[in-house]
Structure formats: structure tokens, C-alpha cells
mmCIF file of all heavy atoms, coordinates in Angstrom:
data_MODEL
# 
_entry.id   MODEL 
# 
loop_
_atom_site.group_PDB 
_atom_site.id 
_atom_site.type_symbol 
_atom_site.label_atom_id 
_atom_site.label_alt_id 
_atom_site.label_comp_id 
_atom_site.label_asym_id 
_atom_site.label_entity_id 
_atom_site.label_seq_id 
_atom_site.pdbx_PDB_ins_code 
_atom_site.Cartn_x 
_atom_site.Cartn_y 
_atom_site.Cartn_z 
_atom_site.occupancy 
_atom_site.B_iso_or_equiv 
_atom_site.pdbx_formal_charge 
_atom_site.auth_seq_id 
_atom_site.auth_comp_id 
_atom_site.auth_asym_id 
_atom_site.auth_atom_id 
_atom_site.pdbx_PDB_model_num 
ATOM 1   N N   . ASP A 1 1  ? 2.905   -3.772  5.958  1.00 0.00 ? 1  ASP A N   1 
ATOM 2   C CA  . ASP A 1 1  ? 1.534   -4.212  5.744  1.00 0.00 ? 1  ASP A CA  1 
ATOM 3   C C   . ASP A 1 1  ? 1.199   -5.382  6.664  1.00 0.00 ? 1  ASP A C   1 
ATOM 4   O O   . ASP A 1 1  ? 1.944   -6.358  6.749  1.00 0.00 ? 1  ASP A O   1 
ATOM 5   C CB  . ASP A 1 1  ? 1.363   -4.631  4.280  1.00 0.00 ? 1  ASP A CB  1 
ATOM 6   C CG  . ASP A 1 1  ? -0.024  -5.163  3.990  1.00 0.00 ? 1  ASP A CG  1 
ATOM 7   O OD1 . ASP A 1 1  ? -0.982  -4.436  4.263  1.00 0.00 ? 1  ASP A OD1 1 
ATOM 8   O OD2 . ASP A 1 1  ? -0.127  -6.300  3.499  1.00 0.00 ? 1  ASP A OD2 1 
ATOM 9   N N   . ALA A 1 2  ? 0.074   -5.283  7.358  1.00 0.00 ? 2  ALA A N   1 
ATOM 10  C CA  . ALA A 1 2  ? -0.322  -6.329  8.303  1.00 0.00 ? 2  ALA A CA  1 
ATOM 11  C C   . ALA A 1 2  ? -0.649  -7.633  7.602  1.00 0.00 ? 2  ALA A C   1 
ATOM 12  O O   . ALA A 1 2  ? -0.510  -8.716  8.181  1.00 0.00 ? 2  ALA A O   1 
ATOM 13  C CB  . ALA A 1 2  ? -1.526  -5.855  9.115  1.00 0.00 ? 2  ALA A CB  1 
ATOM 14  N N   . HIS A 1 3  ? -1.082  -7.575  6.354  1.00 0.00 ? 3  HIS A N   1 
ATOM 15  C CA  . HIS A 1 3  ? -1.482  -8.778  5.624  1.00 0.00 ? 3  HIS A CA  1 
ATOM 16  C C   . HIS A 1 3  ? -0.262  -9.599  5.198  1.00 0.00 ? 3  HIS A C   1 
ATOM 17  O O   . HIS A 1 3  ? -0.255  -10.819 5.309  1.00 0.00 ? 3  HIS A O   1 
ATOM 18  C CB  . HIS A 1 3  ? -2.311  -8.387  4.404  1.00 0.00 ? 3  HIS A CB  1 
ATOM 19  C CG  . HIS A 1 3  ? -2.766  -9.546  3.570  1.00 0.00 ? 3  HIS A CG  1 
ATOM 20  N ND1 . HIS A 1 3  ? -3.799  -10.366 3.934  1.00 0.00 ? 3  HIS A ND1 1 
ATOM 21  C CD2 . HIS A 1 3  ? -2.299  -10.024 2.384  1.00 0.00 ? 3  HIS A CD2 1 
ATOM 22  C CE1 . HIS A 1 3  ? -3.971  -11.289 3.017  1.00 0.00 ? 3  HIS A CE1 1 
ATOM 23  N NE2 . HIS A 1 3  ? -3.066  -11.100 2.061  1.00 0.00 ? 3  HIS A NE2 1 
ATOM 24  N N   . THR A 1 4  ? 0.781   -8.918  4.704  1.00 0.00 ? 4  THR A N   1 
ATOM 25  C CA  . THR A 1 4  ? 1.942   -9.622  4.165  1.00 0.00 ? 4  THR A CA  1 
ATOM 26  C C   . THR A 1 4  ? 3.168   -9.550  5.070  1.00 0.00 ? 4  THR A C   1 
ATOM 27  O O   . THR A 1 4  ? 4.155   -10.247 4.842  1.00 0.00 ? 4  THR A O   1 
ATOM 28  C CB  . THR A 1 4  ? 2.321   -9.032  2.798  1.00 0.00 ? 4  THR A CB  1 
ATOM 29  O OG1 . THR A 1 4  ? 2.618   -7.633  2.972  1.00 0.00 ? 4  THR A OG1 1 
ATOM 30  C CG2 . THR A 1 4  ? 1.168   -9.178  1.807  1.00 0.00 ? 4  THR A CG2 1 
ATOM 31  N N   . ASN A 1 5  ? 3.137   -8.647  6.090  1.00 0.00 ? 5  ASN A N   1 
ATOM 32  C CA  . ASN A 1 5  ? 4.253   -8.440  7.018  1.00 0.00 ? 5  ASN A CA  1 
ATOM 33  C C   . ASN A 1 5  ? 5.506   -7.926  6.307  1.00 0.00 ? 5  ASN A C   1 
ATOM 34  O O   . ASN A 1 5  ? 6.622   -8.150  6.762  1.00 0.00 ? 5  ASN A O   1 
ATOM 35  C CB  . ASN A 1 5  ? 4.577   -9.718  7.800  1.00 0.00 ? 5  ASN A CB  1 
ATOM 36  C CG  . ASN A 1 5  ? 5.300   -9.410  9.099  1.00 0.00 ? 5  ASN A CG  1 
ATOM 37  O OD1 . ASN A 1 5  ? 5.057   -8.388  9.737  1.00 0.00 ? 5  ASN A OD1 1 
ATOM 38  N ND2 . ASN A 1 5  ? 6.212   -10.276 9.497  1.00 0.00 ? 5  ASN A ND2 1 
ATOM 39  N N   . VAL A 1 6  ? 5.336   -7.261  5.204  1.00 0.00 ? 6  VAL A N   1 
ATOM 40  C CA  . VAL A 1 6  ? 6.446   -6.601  4.512  1.00 0.00 ? 6  VAL A CA  1 
ATOM 41  C C   . VAL A 1 6  ? 5.983   -5.191  4.147  1.00 0.00 ? 6  VAL A C   1 
ATOM 42  O O   . VAL A 1 6  ? 4.818   -4.843  4.304  1.00 0.00 ? 6  VAL A O   1 
ATOM 43  C CB  . VAL A 1 6  ? 6.887   -7.372  3.239  1.00 0.00 ? 6  VAL A CB  1 
ATOM 44  C CG1 . VAL A 1 6  ? 7.500   -8.714  3.609  1.00 0.00 ? 6  VAL A CG1 1 
ATOM 45  C CG2 . VAL A 1 6  ? 5.727   -7.552  2.275  1.00 0.00 ? 6  VAL A CG2 1 
ATOM 46  N N   . ASN A 1 7  ? 6.904   -4.405  3.629  1.00 0.00 ? 7  ASN A N   1 
ATOM 47  C CA  . ASN A 1 7  ? 6.577   -3.013  3.303  1.00 0.00 ? 7  ASN A CA  1 
ATOM 48  C C   . ASN A 1 7  ? 5.943   -2.907  1.915  1.00 0.00 ? 7  ASN A C   1 
ATOM 49  O O   . ASN A 1 7  ? 6.569   -2.465  0.951  1.00 0.00 ? 7  ASN A O   1 
ATOM 50  C CB  . ASN A 1 7  ? 7.830   -2.136  3.388  1.00 0.00 ? 7  ASN A CB  1 
ATOM 51  C CG  . ASN A 1 7  ? 8.277   -1.934  4.813  1.00 0.00 ? 7  ASN A CG  1 
ATOM 52  O OD1 . ASN A 1 7  ? 8.762   -2.858  5.448  1.00 0.00 ? 7  ASN A OD1 1 
ATOM 53  N ND2 . ASN A 1 7  ? 8.083   -0.737  5.326  1.00 0.00 ? 7  ASN A ND2 1 
ATOM 54  N N   . ASN A 1 8  ? 4.709   -3.332  1.834  1.00 0.00 ? 8  ASN A N   1 
ATOM 55  C CA  . ASN A 1 8  ? 3.977   -3.130  0.586  1.00 0.00 ? 8  ASN A CA  1 
ATOM 56  C C   . ASN A 1 8  ? 2.491   -3.006  0.864  1.00 0.00 ? 8  ASN A C   1 
ATOM 57  O O   . ASN A 1 8  ? 2.019   -3.297  1.954  1.00 0.00 ? 8  ASN A O   1 
ATOM 58  C CB  . ASN A 1 8  ? 4.269   -4.249  -0.424 1.00 0.00 ? 8  ASN A CB  1 
ATOM 59  C CG  . ASN A 1 8  ? 3.726   -5.603  0.018  1.00 0.00 ? 8  ASN A CG  1 
ATOM 60  O OD1 . ASN A 1 8  ? 2.767   -5.711  0.775  1.00 0.00 ? 8  ASN A OD1 1 
ATOM 61  N ND2 . ASN A 1 8  ? 4.335   -6.667  -0.492 1.00 0.00 ? 8  ASN A ND2 1 
ATOM 62  N N   . LYS A 1 9  ? 1.782   -2.533  -0.129 1.00 0.00 ? 9  LYS A N   1 
ATOM 63  C CA  . LYS A 1 9  ? 0.327   -2.422  -0.058 1.00 0.00 ? 9  LYS A CA  1 
ATOM 64  C C   . LYS A 1 9  ? -0.260  -2.963  -1.354 1.00 0.00 ? 9  LYS A C   1 
ATOM 65  O O   . LYS A 1 9  ? 0.337   -2.833  -2.424 1.00 0.00 ? 9  LYS A O   1 
ATOM 66  C CB  . LYS A 1 9  ? -0.104  -0.969  0.156  1.00 0.00 ? 9  LYS A CB  1 
ATOM 67  C CG  . LYS A 1 9  ? 0.212   -0.428  1.550  1.00 0.00 ? 9  LYS A CG  1 
ATOM 68  C CD  . LYS A 1 9  ? -0.354  0.967   1.737  1.00 0.00 ? 9  LYS A CD  1 
ATOM 69  C CE  . LYS A 1 9  ? 0.003   1.542   3.108  1.00 0.00 ? 9  LYS A CE  1 
ATOM 70  N NZ  . LYS A 1 9  ? -0.664  0.819   4.198  1.00 0.00 ? 9  LYS A NZ  1 
ATOM 71  N N   . ARG A 1 10 ? -1.445  -3.564  -1.235 1.00 0.00 ? 10 ARG A N   1 
ATOM 72  C CA  . ARG A 1 10 ? -2.135  -4.091  -2.412 1.00 0.00 ? 10 ARG A CA  1 
ATOM 73  C C   . ARG A 1 10 ? -2.940  -2.949  -3.043 1.00 0.00 ? 10 ARG A C   1 
ATOM 74  O O   . ARG A 1 10 ? -3.804  -2.363  -2.403 1.00 0.00 ? 10 ARG A O   1 
ATOM 75  C CB  . ARG A 1 10 ? -3.059  -5.236  -2.000 1.00 0.00 ? 10 ARG A CB  1 
ATOM 76  C CG  . ARG A 1 10 ? -2.309  -6.434  -1.401 1.00 0.00 ? 10 ARG A CG  1 
ATOM 77  C CD  . ARG A 1 10 ? -3.248  -7.341  -0.619 1.00 0.00 ? 10 ARG A CD  1 
ATOM 78  N NE  . ARG A 1 10 ? -3.746  -6.664  0.586  1.00 0.00 ? 10 ARG A NE  1 
ATOM 79  C CZ  . ARG A 1 10 ? -4.656  -7.197  1.407  1.00 0.00 ? 10 ARG A CZ  1 
ATOM 80  N NH1 . ARG A 1 10 ? -5.161  -8.397  1.157  1.00 0.00 ? 10 ARG A NH1 1 
ATOM 81  N NH2 . ARG A 1 10 ? -5.072  -6.536  2.476  1.00 0.00 ? 10 ARG A NH2 1 
ATOM 82  N N   . ILE A 1 11 ? -2.641  -2.658  -4.295 1.00 0.00 ? 11 ILE A N   1 
ATOM 83  C CA  . ILE A 1 11 ? -3.306  -1.539  -4.959 1.00 0.00 ? 11 ILE A CA  1 
ATOM 84  C C   . ILE A 1 11 ? -4.808  -1.785  -5.057 1.00 0.00 ? 11 ILE A C   1 
ATOM 85  O O   . ILE A 1 11 ? -5.608  -0.861  -4.890 1.00 0.00 ? 11 ILE A O   1 
ATOM 86  C CB  . ILE A 1 11 ? -2.681  -1.295  -6.350 1.00 0.00 ? 11 ILE A CB  1 
ATOM 87  C CG1 . ILE A 1 11 ? -1.250  -0.757  -6.169 1.00 0.00 ? 11 ILE A CG1 1 
ATOM 88  C CG2 . ILE A 1 11 ? -3.517  -0.314  -7.176 1.00 0.00 ? 11 ILE A CG2 1 
ATOM 89  C CD1 . ILE A 1 11 ? -0.481  -0.577  -7.451 1.00 0.00 ? 11 ILE A CD1 1 
ATOM 90  N N   . CYS A 1 12 ? -5.213  -3.024  -5.292 1.00 0.00 ? 12 CYS A N   1 
ATOM 91  C CA  . CYS A 1 12 ? -6.645  -3.299  -5.454 1.00 0.00 ? 12 CYS A CA  1 
ATOM 92  C C   . CYS A 1 12 ? -7.403  -3.247  -4.138 1.00 0.00 ? 12 CYS A C   1 
ATOM 93  O O   . CYS A 1 12 ? -8.608  -3.016  -4.122 1.00 0.00 ? 12 CYS A O   1 
ATOM 94  C CB  . CYS A 1 12 ? -6.850  -4.671  -6.107 1.00 0.00 ? 12 CYS A CB  1 
ATOM 95  S SG  . CYS A 1 12 ? -6.412  -6.074  -5.055 1.00 0.00 ? 12 CYS A SG  1 
ATOM 96  N N   . LYS A 1 13 ? -6.721  -3.461  -3.025 1.00 0.00 ? 13 LYS A N   1 
ATOM 97  C CA  . LYS A 1 13 ? -7.395  -3.565  -1.727 1.00 0.00 ? 13 LYS A CA  1 
ATOM 98  C C   . LYS A 1 13 ? -7.184  -2.330  -0.859 1.00 0.00 ? 13 LYS A C   1 
ATOM 99  O O   . LYS A 1 13 ? -8.132  -1.692  -0.423 1.00 0.00 ? 13 LYS A O   1 
ATOM 100 C CB  . LYS A 1 13 ? -6.882  -4.803  -0.983 1.00 0.00 ? 13 LYS A CB  1 
ATOM 101 C CG  . LYS A 1 13 ? -7.706  -5.176  0.244  1.00 0.00 ? 13 LYS A CG  1 
ATOM 102 C CD  . LYS A 1 13 ? -9.030  -5.793  -0.129 1.00 0.00 ? 13 LYS A CD  1 
ATOM 103 C CE  . LYS A 1 13 ? -9.764  -6.318  1.091  1.00 0.00 ? 13 LYS A CE  1 
ATOM 104 N NZ  . LYS A 1 13 ? -11.063 -6.895  0.727  1.00 0.00 ? 13 LYS A NZ  1 
ATOM 105 N N   . GLU A 1 14 ? -5.923  -2.004  -0.550 1.00 0.00 ? 14 GLU A N   1 
ATOM 106 C CA  . GLU A 1 14 ? -5.643  -0.796  0.236  1.00 0.00 ? 14 GLU A CA  1 
ATOM 107 C C   . GLU A 1 14 ? -5.778  0.459   -0.625 1.00 0.00 ? 14 GLU A C   1 
ATOM 108 O O   . GLU A 1 14 ? -6.009  1.552   -0.126 1.00 0.00 ? 14 GLU A O   1 
ATOM 109 C CB  . GLU A 1 14 ? -4.250  -0.856  0.860  1.00 0.00 ? 14 GLU A CB  1 
ATOM 110 C CG  . GLU A 1 14 ? -4.128  -1.762  2.073  1.00 0.00 ? 14 GLU A CG  1 
ATOM 111 C CD  . GLU A 1 14 ? -3.989  -3.229  1.743  1.00 0.00 ? 14 GLU A CD  1 
ATOM 112 O OE1 . GLU A 1 14 ? -3.219  -3.555  0.808  1.00 0.00 ? 14 GLU A OE1 1 
ATOM 113 O OE2 . GLU A 1 14 ? -4.650  -4.054  2.402  1.00 0.00 ? 14 GLU A OE2 1 
ATOM 114 N N   . GLY A 1 15 ? -5.604  0.315   -1.928 1.00 0.00 ? 15 GLY A N   1 
ATOM 115 C CA  . GLY A 1 15 ? -5.763  1.408   -2.874 1.00 0.00 ? 15 GLY A CA  1 
ATOM 116 C C   . GLY A 1 15 ? -7.085  1.263   -3.597 1.00 0.00 ? 15 GLY A C   1 
ATOM 117 O O   . GLY A 1 15 ? -8.017  0.703   -3.037 1.00 0.00 ? 15 GLY A O   1 
ATOM 118 N N   . PRO A 1 16 ? -7.195  1.738   -4.827 1.00 0.00 ? 16 PRO A N   1 
ATOM 119 C CA  . PRO A 1 16 ? -6.085  2.292   -5.616 1.00 0.00 ? 16 PRO A CA  1 
ATOM 120 C C   . PRO A 1 16 ? -5.653  3.700   -5.208 1.00 0.00 ? 16 PRO A C   1 
ATOM 121 O O   . PRO A 1 16 ? -4.655  4.200   -5.689 1.00 0.00 ? 16 PRO A O   1 
ATOM 122 C CB  . PRO A 1 16 ? -6.665  2.304   -7.042 1.00 0.00 ? 16 PRO A CB  1 
ATOM 123 C CG  . PRO A 1 16 ? -8.138  2.441   -6.848 1.00 0.00 ? 16 PRO A CG  1 
ATOM 124 C CD  . PRO A 1 16 ? -8.453  1.680   -5.594 1.00 0.00 ? 16 PRO A CD  1 
ATOM 125 N N   . VAL A 1 17 ? -6.419  4.331   -4.292 1.00 0.00 ? 17 VAL A N   1 
ATOM 126 C CA  . VAL A 1 17 ? -6.065  5.687   -3.872 1.00 0.00 ? 17 VAL A CA  1 
ATOM 127 C C   . VAL A 1 17 ? -5.211  5.636   -2.607 1.00 0.00 ? 17 VAL A C   1 
ATOM 128 O O   . VAL A 1 17 ? -5.569  4.972   -1.625 1.00 0.00 ? 17 VAL A O   1 
ATOM 129 C CB  . VAL A 1 17 ? -7.324  6.536   -3.611 1.00 0.00 ? 17 VAL A CB  1 
ATOM 130 C CG1 . VAL A 1 17 ? -6.938  7.920   -3.096 1.00 0.00 ? 17 VAL A CG1 1 
ATOM 131 C CG2 . VAL A 1 17 ? -8.165  6.657   -4.874 1.00 0.00 ? 17 VAL A CG2 1 
ATOM 132 N N   . PHE A 1 18 ? -4.082  6.329   -2.653 1.00 0.00 ? 18 PHE A N   1 
ATOM 133 C CA  . PHE A 1 18 ? -3.174  6.424   -1.507 1.00 0.00 ? 18 PHE A CA  1 
ATOM 134 C C   . PHE A 1 18 ? -2.767  7.897   -1.302 1.00 0.00 ? 18 PHE A C   1 
ATOM 135 O O   . PHE A 1 18 ? -2.762  8.672   -2.265 1.00 0.00 ? 18 PHE A O   1 
ATOM 136 C CB  . PHE A 1 18 ? -1.897  5.625   -1.734 1.00 0.00 ? 18 PHE A CB  1 
ATOM 137 C CG  . PHE A 1 18 ? -2.067  4.155   -1.940 1.00 0.00 ? 18 PHE A CG  1 
ATOM 138 C CD1 . PHE A 1 18 ? -2.129  3.622   -3.218 1.00 0.00 ? 18 PHE A CD1 1 
ATOM 139 C CD2 . PHE A 1 18 ? -2.178  3.300   -0.839 1.00 0.00 ? 18 PHE A CD2 1 
ATOM 140 C CE1 . PHE A 1 18 ? -2.282  2.250   -3.398 1.00 0.00 ? 18 PHE A CE1 1 
ATOM 141 C CE2 . PHE A 1 18 ? -2.325  1.934   -1.022 1.00 0.00 ? 18 PHE A CE2 1 
ATOM 142 C CZ  . PHE A 1 18 ? -2.377  1.410   -2.301 1.00 0.00 ? 18 PHE A CZ  1 
ATOM 143 N N   . ARG A 1 19 ? -2.384  8.215   -0.072 1.00 0.00 ? 19 ARG A N   1 
ATOM 144 C CA  . ARG A 1 19 ? -1.647  9.465   0.120  1.00 0.00 ? 19 ARG A CA  1 
ATOM 145 C C   . ARG A 1 19 ? -0.307  9.291   -0.593 1.00 0.00 ? 19 ARG A C   1 
ATOM 146 O O   . ARG A 1 19 ? 0.353   8.275   -0.438 1.00 0.00 ? 19 ARG A O   1 
ATOM 147 C CB  . ARG A 1 19 ? -1.418  9.743   1.597  1.00 0.00 ? 19 ARG A CB  1 
ATOM 148 C CG  . ARG A 1 19 ? -2.531  10.523  2.265  1.00 0.00 ? 19 ARG A CG  1 
ATOM 149 C CD  . ARG A 1 19 ? -2.118  10.935  3.668  1.00 0.00 ? 19 ARG A CD  1 
ATOM 150 N NE  . ARG A 1 19 ? -1.010  11.868  3.664  1.00 0.00 ? 19 ARG A NE  1 
ATOM 151 C CZ  . ARG A 1 19 ? -1.092  13.139  4.008  1.00 0.00 ? 19 ARG A CZ  1 
ATOM 152 N NH1 . ARG A 1 19 ? -2.248  13.644  4.388  1.00 0.00 ? 19 ARG A NH1 1 
ATOM 153 N NH2 . ARG A 1 19 ? -0.044  13.924  3.984  1.00 0.00 ? 19 ARG A NH2 1 
ATOM 154 N N   . ALA A 1 20 ? 0.092   10.277  -1.350 1.00 0.00 ? 20 ALA A N   1 
ATOM 155 C CA  . ALA A 1 20 ? 1.303   10.140  -2.147 1.00 0.00 ? 20 ALA A CA  1 
ATOM 156 C C   . ALA A 1 20 ? 2.532   9.841   -1.300 1.00 0.00 ? 20 ALA A C   1 
ATOM 157 O O   . ALA A 1 20 ? 3.439   9.132   -1.738 1.00 0.00 ? 20 ALA A O   1 
ATOM 158 C CB  . ALA A 1 20 ? 1.532   11.397  -2.978 1.00 0.00 ? 20 ALA A CB  1 
ATOM 159 N N   . ASP A 1 21 ? 2.557   10.361  -0.076 1.00 0.00 ? 21 ASP A N   1 
ATOM 160 C CA  . ASP A 1 21 ? 3.753   10.153  0.765  1.00 0.00 ? 21 ASP A CA  1 
ATOM 161 C C   . ASP A 1 21 ? 3.737   8.810   1.497  1.00 0.00 ? 21 ASP A C   1 
ATOM 162 O O   . ASP A 1 21 ? 4.674   8.486   2.216  1.00 0.00 ? 21 ASP A O   1 
ATOM 163 C CB  . ASP A 1 21 ? 3.924   11.294  1.775  1.00 0.00 ? 21 ASP A CB  1 
ATOM 164 C CG  . ASP A 1 21 ? 2.701   11.515  2.654  1.00 0.00 ? 21 ASP A CG  1 
ATOM 165 O OD1 . ASP A 1 21 ? 1.764   10.677  2.614  1.00 0.00 ? 21 ASP A OD1 1 
ATOM 166 O OD2 . ASP A 1 21 ? 2.676   12.510  3.401  1.00 0.00 ? 21 ASP A OD2 1 
ATOM 167 N N   . GLU A 1 22 ? 2.686   8.004   1.291  1.00 0.00 ? 22 GLU A N   1 
ATOM 168 C CA  . GLU A 1 22 ? 2.609   6.685   1.930  1.00 0.00 ? 22 GLU A CA  1 
ATOM 169 C C   . GLU A 1 22 ? 3.228   5.582   1.089  1.00 0.00 ? 22 GLU A C   1 
ATOM 170 O O   . GLU A 1 22 ? 3.537   4.513   1.599  1.00 0.00 ? 22 GLU A O   1 
ATOM 171 C CB  . GLU A 1 22 ? 1.146   6.312   2.192  1.00 0.00 ? 22 GLU A CB  1 
ATOM 172 C CG  . GLU A 1 22 ? 0.469   7.148   3.257  1.00 0.00 ? 22 GLU A CG  1 
ATOM 173 C CD  . GLU A 1 22 ? -0.991  6.764   3.433  1.00 0.00 ? 22 GLU A CD  1 
ATOM 174 O OE1 . GLU A 1 22 ? -1.519  6.046   2.560  1.00 0.00 ? 22 GLU A OE1 1 
ATOM 175 O OE2 . GLU A 1 22 ? -1.579  7.177   4.439  1.00 0.00 ? 22 GLU A OE2 1 
ATOM 176 N N   . VAL A 1 23 ? 3.371   5.828   -0.213 1.00 0.00 ? 23 VAL A N   1 
ATOM 177 C CA  . VAL A 1 23 ? 3.807   4.765   -1.126 1.00 0.00 ? 23 VAL A CA  1 
ATOM 178 C C   . VAL A 1 23 ? 4.955   5.247   -1.995 1.00 0.00 ? 23 VAL A C   1 
ATOM 179 O O   . VAL A 1 23 ? 5.151   6.442   -2.228 1.00 0.00 ? 23 VAL A O   1 
ATOM 180 C CB  . VAL A 1 23 ? 2.628   4.286   -2.016 1.00 0.00 ? 23 VAL A CB  1 
ATOM 181 C CG1 . VAL A 1 23 ? 1.619   3.520   -1.189 1.00 0.00 ? 23 VAL A CG1 1 
ATOM 182 C CG2 . VAL A 1 23 ? 1.973   5.467   -2.727 1.00 0.00 ? 23 VAL A CG2 1 
ATOM 183 N N   . GLU A 1 24 ? 5.717   4.268   -2.487 1.00 0.00 ? 24 GLU A N   1 
ATOM 184 C CA  . GLU A 1 24 ? 6.812   4.532   -3.402 1.00 0.00 ? 24 GLU A CA  1 
ATOM 185 C C   . GLU A 1 24 ? 6.437   3.976   -4.766 1.00 0.00 ? 24 GLU A C   1 
ATOM 186 O O   . GLU A 1 24 ? 5.963   2.854   -4.878 1.00 0.00 ? 24 GLU A O   1 
ATOM 187 C CB  . GLU A 1 24 ? 8.114   3.867   -2.903 1.00 0.00 ? 24 GLU A CB  1 
ATOM 188 C CG  . GLU A 1 24 ? 8.557   4.310   -1.524 1.00 0.00 ? 24 GLU A CG  1 
ATOM 189 C CD  . GLU A 1 24 ? 8.953   5.776   -1.453 1.00 0.00 ? 24 GLU A CD  1 
ATOM 190 O OE1 . GLU A 1 24 ? 9.274   6.341   -2.514 1.00 0.00 ? 24 GLU A OE1 1 
ATOM 191 O OE2 . GLU A 1 24 ? 8.935   6.344   -0.350 1.00 0.00 ? 24 GLU A OE2 1 
ATOM 192 N N   . PHE A 1 25 ? 6.646   4.773   -5.803 1.00 0.00 ? 25 PHE A N   1 
ATOM 193 C CA  . PHE A 1 25 ? 6.320   4.287   -7.150 1.00 0.00 ? 25 PHE A CA  1 
ATOM 194 C C   . PHE A 1 25 ? 7.169   5.014   -8.176 1.00 0.00 ? 25 PHE A C   1 
ATOM 195 O O   . PHE A 1 25 ? 7.819   5.991   -7.872 1.00 0.00 ? 25 PHE A O   1 
ATOM 196 C CB  . PHE A 1 25 ? 4.827   4.476   -7.462 1.00 0.00 ? 25 PHE A CB  1 
ATOM 197 C CG  . PHE A 1 25 ? 4.289   5.847   -7.182 1.00 0.00 ? 25 PHE A CG  1 
ATOM 198 C CD1 . PHE A 1 25 ? 4.373   6.843   -8.157 1.00 0.00 ? 25 PHE A CD1 1 
ATOM 199 C CD2 . PHE A 1 25 ? 3.701   6.155   -5.962 1.00 0.00 ? 25 PHE A CD2 1 
ATOM 200 C CE1 . PHE A 1 25 ? 3.859   8.107   -7.918 1.00 0.00 ? 25 PHE A CE1 1 
ATOM 201 C CE2 . PHE A 1 25 ? 3.183   7.419   -5.711 1.00 0.00 ? 25 PHE A CE2 1 
ATOM 202 C CZ  . PHE A 1 25 ? 3.272   8.392   -6.699 1.00 0.00 ? 25 PHE A CZ  1 
# 
């Protein structure tokens, strides 16, 4: 993630909808 420089995404901002293969849950 460009915002945090780690492998995560903010659900409220980049989500809440994601391609299923883009995220781990």
C-alpha cells in the first residue's frame, strides 16, 4: 500500500469492495 508502505489496505478507504484475489482475510 502506497499510504502505509506495507502489505495492507484500508477497508474504509480502498474498500470495502475488493477483488477477492487482492486481499487476504
